[in-house]
């Protein structure tokens, strides 16, 4: 068991998600390429069969080639699929660990309060907010209000960062490996 911070767990999860997406793209490309290679091989074999030679021998050869090509392609595709399955399992394990740690540390509360605070700040029209000079904002009582909201936002962001960088959690070594 390795000990890592919550922030490291989050970055490991993001890295694995990106790797998963790249592998998924490889998987789709490999499957489509293998299908077209397989179809090209069948066309070539059928062309040979129609043009020349001992038909029975060519049929046996074509069956062997078809089977070998199919097995090889399946192996390549299955290797990628196995990697995808392992990555998916690692990501699920990491998400469970992160959610459990988030709940234990109370970071979820900070994140949801920060989310609502940002929504509240975004509802104040930014154009009006920045067009007001300080004396106008003071006359409307907005400058103190905005300062308080910005200060709370900063406090929540600081608490979240602090929890992410100081909370230690245990993770299986195999999950951390690539």
Protein backbone atom coordinates (compact mmCIF):
# COMPACT_ATOMS: atom_id res chain seq x y z
CA UNK A 1 0.00 0.00 0.00
CA UNK A 2 1.33 3.38 -1.02
CA UNK A 3 0.53 6.57 0.83
CA UNK A 4 -0.35 9.51 -1.40
CA UNK A 5 -2.10 12.82 -0.97
CA UNK A 6 -5.61 13.38 -2.21
CA UNK A 7 -4.22 15.74 -4.86
CA UNK A 8 -1.88 13.00 -6.12
CA UNK A 9 -4.80 10.58 -6.24
CA UNK A 10 -6.79 13.10 -8.29
CA UNK A 11 -3.91 13.67 -10.72
CA UNK A 12 -3.36 9.90 -11.04
CA UNK A 13 -7.05 9.50 -11.83
CA UNK A 14 -6.87 12.23 -14.51
CA UNK A 15 -3.75 10.63 -16.02
CA UNK A 16 -5.47 7.24 -16.14
CA UNK A 17 -8.58 8.77 -17.70
CA UNK A 18 -6.45 10.32 -20.47
CA UNK A 19 -4.64 7.02 -21.02
CA UNK A 20 -8.00 5.25 -21.13
CA UNK A 21 -9.25 7.61 -23.83
CA UNK A 22 -6.09 7.09 -25.91
CA UNK A 23 -6.38 3.30 -25.54
CA UNK A 24 -10.05 3.42 -26.43
CA UNK A 25 -9.16 5.31 -29.60
CA UNK A 26 -6.46 2.69 -30.37
CA UNK A 27 -9.00 -0.06 -29.75
CA UNK A 28 -11.52 1.42 -32.17
CA UNK A 29 -8.81 2.00 -34.79
CA UNK A 30 -7.41 -1.52 -34.36
CA UNK A 31 -10.83 -3.13 -34.71
CA UNK A 32 -11.68 -1.15 -37.83
CA UNK A 33 -8.21 -1.69 -39.35
CA UNK A 34 -8.33 -5.40 -38.61
CA UNK A 35 -11.72 -5.70 -40.24
CA UNK A 36 -10.50 -3.99 -43.40
CA UNK A 37 -7.27 -6.08 -43.42
CA UNK A 38 -9.32 -9.23 -43.00
CA UNK A 39 -11.66 -8.25 -45.85
CA UNK A 40 -8.68 -7.42 -48.10
CA UNK A 41 -7.16 -10.82 -47.34
CA UNK A 42 -10.40 -12.58 -48.19
CA UNK A 43 -10.66 -10.71 -51.49
CA UNK A 44 -7.07 -11.64 -52.39
CA UNK A 45 -7.66 -15.31 -51.54
CA UNK A 46 -10.88 -15.38 -53.55
CA UNK A 47 -9.08 -13.77 -56.49
CA UNK A 48 -6.33 -16.41 -56.36
CA UNK A 49 -8.92 -19.17 -56.10
CA UNK A 50 -10.79 -17.94 -59.12
CA UNK A 51 -7.70 -17.54 -61.30
CA UNK A 52 -5.48 -20.57 -60.91
CA UNK A 53 -4.27 -23.81 -59.55
CA UNK A 54 -5.35 -26.74 -57.52
CA UNK A 55 -8.61 -25.54 -56.08
CA UNK A 56 -8.63 -27.96 -53.15
CA UNK A 57 -5.11 -27.03 -52.06
CA UNK A 58 -5.89 -23.34 -52.36
CA UNK A 59 -9.12 -23.78 -50.38
CA UNK A 60 -7.17 -25.49 -47.55
CA UNK A 61 -4.52 -22.78 -47.69
CA UNK A 62 -7.14 -20.06 -47.65
CA UNK A 63 -8.93 -21.63 -44.67
CA UNK A 64 -5.64 -21.85 -42.74
CA UNK A 65 -4.74 -18.27 -43.61
CA UNK A 66 -8.20 -17.04 -42.68
CA UNK A 67 -8.04 -18.79 -39.31
CA UNK A 68 -4.51 -17.57 -38.52
CA UNK A 69 -5.32 -14.00 -39.54
CA UNK A 70 -8.52 -14.03 -37.52
CA UNK A 71 -6.75 -15.40 -34.41
CA UNK A 72 -3.89 -12.90 -34.70
CA UNK A 73 -6.28 -9.99 -35.06
CA UNK A 74 -8.37 -11.20 -32.13
CA UNK A 75 -5.24 -11.44 -29.96
CA UNK A 76 -4.24 -7.86 -30.79
CA UNK A 77 -7.71 -6.54 -30.11
CA UNK A 78 -8.04 -8.56 -26.89
CA UNK A 79 -4.70 -7.22 -25.57
CA UNK A 80 -5.98 -3.68 -25.93
CA UNK A 81 -9.34 -4.67 -24.42
CA UNK A 82 -7.57 -6.22 -21.40
CA UNK A 83 -5.62 -2.99 -20.85
CA UNK A 84 -8.87 -1.03 -21.09
CA UNK A 85 -10.53 -3.31 -18.54
CA UNK A 86 -7.63 -2.95 -16.08
CA UNK A 87 -7.57 0.82 -16.48
CA UNK A 88 -11.32 1.01 -15.94
CA UNK A 89 -11.03 -1.05 -12.76
CA UNK A 90 -8.16 1.14 -11.49
CA UNK A 91 -10.16 4.30 -12.20
CA UNK A 92 -13.20 2.95 -10.34
CA UNK A 93 -11.03 2.01 -7.34
CA UNK A 94 -9.41 5.45 -7.33
CA UNK A 95 -12.77 7.21 -7.57
CA UNK A 96 -14.09 5.21 -4.61
CA UNK A 97 -10.99 6.06 -2.54
CA UNK A 98 -11.25 9.74 -3.50
CA UNK A 99 -14.98 9.92 -2.71
CA UNK A 100 -14.46 8.17 0.63
CA UNK A 101 -11.61 10.54 1.52
CA UNK A 102 -13.64 13.56 0.37
CA UNK A 103 -16.48 12.52 2.65
CA UNK A 104 -14.15 11.93 5.61
CA UNK A 105 -12.42 15.30 5.24
CA UNK A 106 -15.59 17.30 4.57
CA UNK A 107 -14.16 18.64 1.32
CA UNK A 108 -17.49 17.87 -0.39
CA UNK A 109 -19.16 20.55 1.74
CA UNK A 110 -16.52 23.11 0.75
CA UNK A 111 -16.81 22.17 -2.92
CA UNK A 112 -20.61 22.51 -2.96
CA UNK A 113 -20.50 25.83 -1.04
CA UNK A 114 -17.85 27.08 -3.46
CA UNK A 115 -20.01 26.01 -6.39
CA UNK A 116 -23.01 27.98 -5.08
CA UNK A 117 -20.79 30.94 -4.27
CA UNK A 118 -19.45 30.97 -7.84
CA UNK A 119 -23.02 30.77 -9.17
CA UNK A 120 -23.95 33.74 -6.98
CA UNK A 121 -20.96 35.72 -8.21
CA UNK A 122 -21.71 34.88 -11.83
CA UNK A 123 -25.30 36.15 -11.47
CA UNK A 124 -23.97 39.63 -10.81
CA UNK A 125 -23.55 41.01 -14.29
CA UNK A 126 -19.77 41.25 -14.80
CA UNK A 127 -20.14 44.22 -17.16
CA UNK A 128 -22.04 46.25 -14.57
CA UNK A 129 -19.64 45.13 -11.87
CA UNK A 130 -16.55 46.31 -13.73
CA UNK A 131 -18.14 49.45 -15.20
CA UNK A 132 -18.89 50.79 -11.73
CA UNK A 133 -16.13 52.87 -10.23
CA UNK A 134 -15.33 52.46 -6.57
CA UNK A 135 -17.47 55.40 -5.37
CA UNK A 136 -20.51 54.19 -7.35
CA UNK A 137 -20.06 50.67 -5.99
CA UNK A 138 -19.78 52.09 -2.48
CA UNK A 139 -22.95 54.15 -2.99
CA UNK A 140 -24.83 51.01 -4.00
CA UNK A 141 -23.24 49.00 -1.18
CA UNK A 142 -21.87 46.52 -3.69
CA UNK A 143 -18.16 46.88 -3.03
CA UNK A 144 -18.35 45.42 0.49
CA UNK A 145 -20.71 42.69 -0.66
CA UNK A 146 -18.46 41.72 -3.59
CA UNK A 147 -15.37 41.84 -1.38
CA UNK A 148 -17.02 39.49 1.12
CA UNK A 149 -18.04 37.06 -1.62
CA UNK A 150 -14.57 37.11 -3.18
CA UNK A 151 -12.98 36.60 0.25
CA UNK A 152 -15.22 33.59 0.98
CA UNK A 153 -14.46 32.18 -2.46
CA UNK A 154 -10.73 32.51 -1.78
CA UNK A 155 -11.12 30.87 1.67
CA UNK A 156 -12.98 27.89 0.21
CA UNK A 157 -10.45 27.47 -2.59
CA UNK A 158 -7.61 27.62 -0.04
CA UNK A 159 -9.27 25.04 2.22
CA UNK A 160 -9.87 22.70 -0.72
CA UNK A 161 -6.25 23.03 -1.89
CA UNK A 162 -4.99 22.49 1.64
CA UNK A 163 -7.06 19.33 2.05
CA UNK A 164 -5.94 18.05 -1.37
CA UNK A 165 -2.27 18.54 -0.52
CA UNK A 166 -2.24 17.43 3.12
CA UNK A 167 -4.71 14.56 3.30
CA UNK A 168 -2.90 11.24 3.06
CA UNK A 169 -4.74 8.19 1.79
CA UNK A 170 -3.64 4.63 1.11
CA UNK A 171 -3.81 3.18 -2.39
CA UNK A 172 -2.77 -0.20 -3.76
CA UNK A 173 0.59 -0.01 -5.52
CA UNK A 174 -0.86 -1.74 -8.58
CA UNK A 175 -3.38 1.08 -9.06
CA UNK A 176 -0.60 3.67 -9.21
CA UNK A 177 1.34 1.77 -11.88
CA UNK A 178 0.73 2.49 -15.53
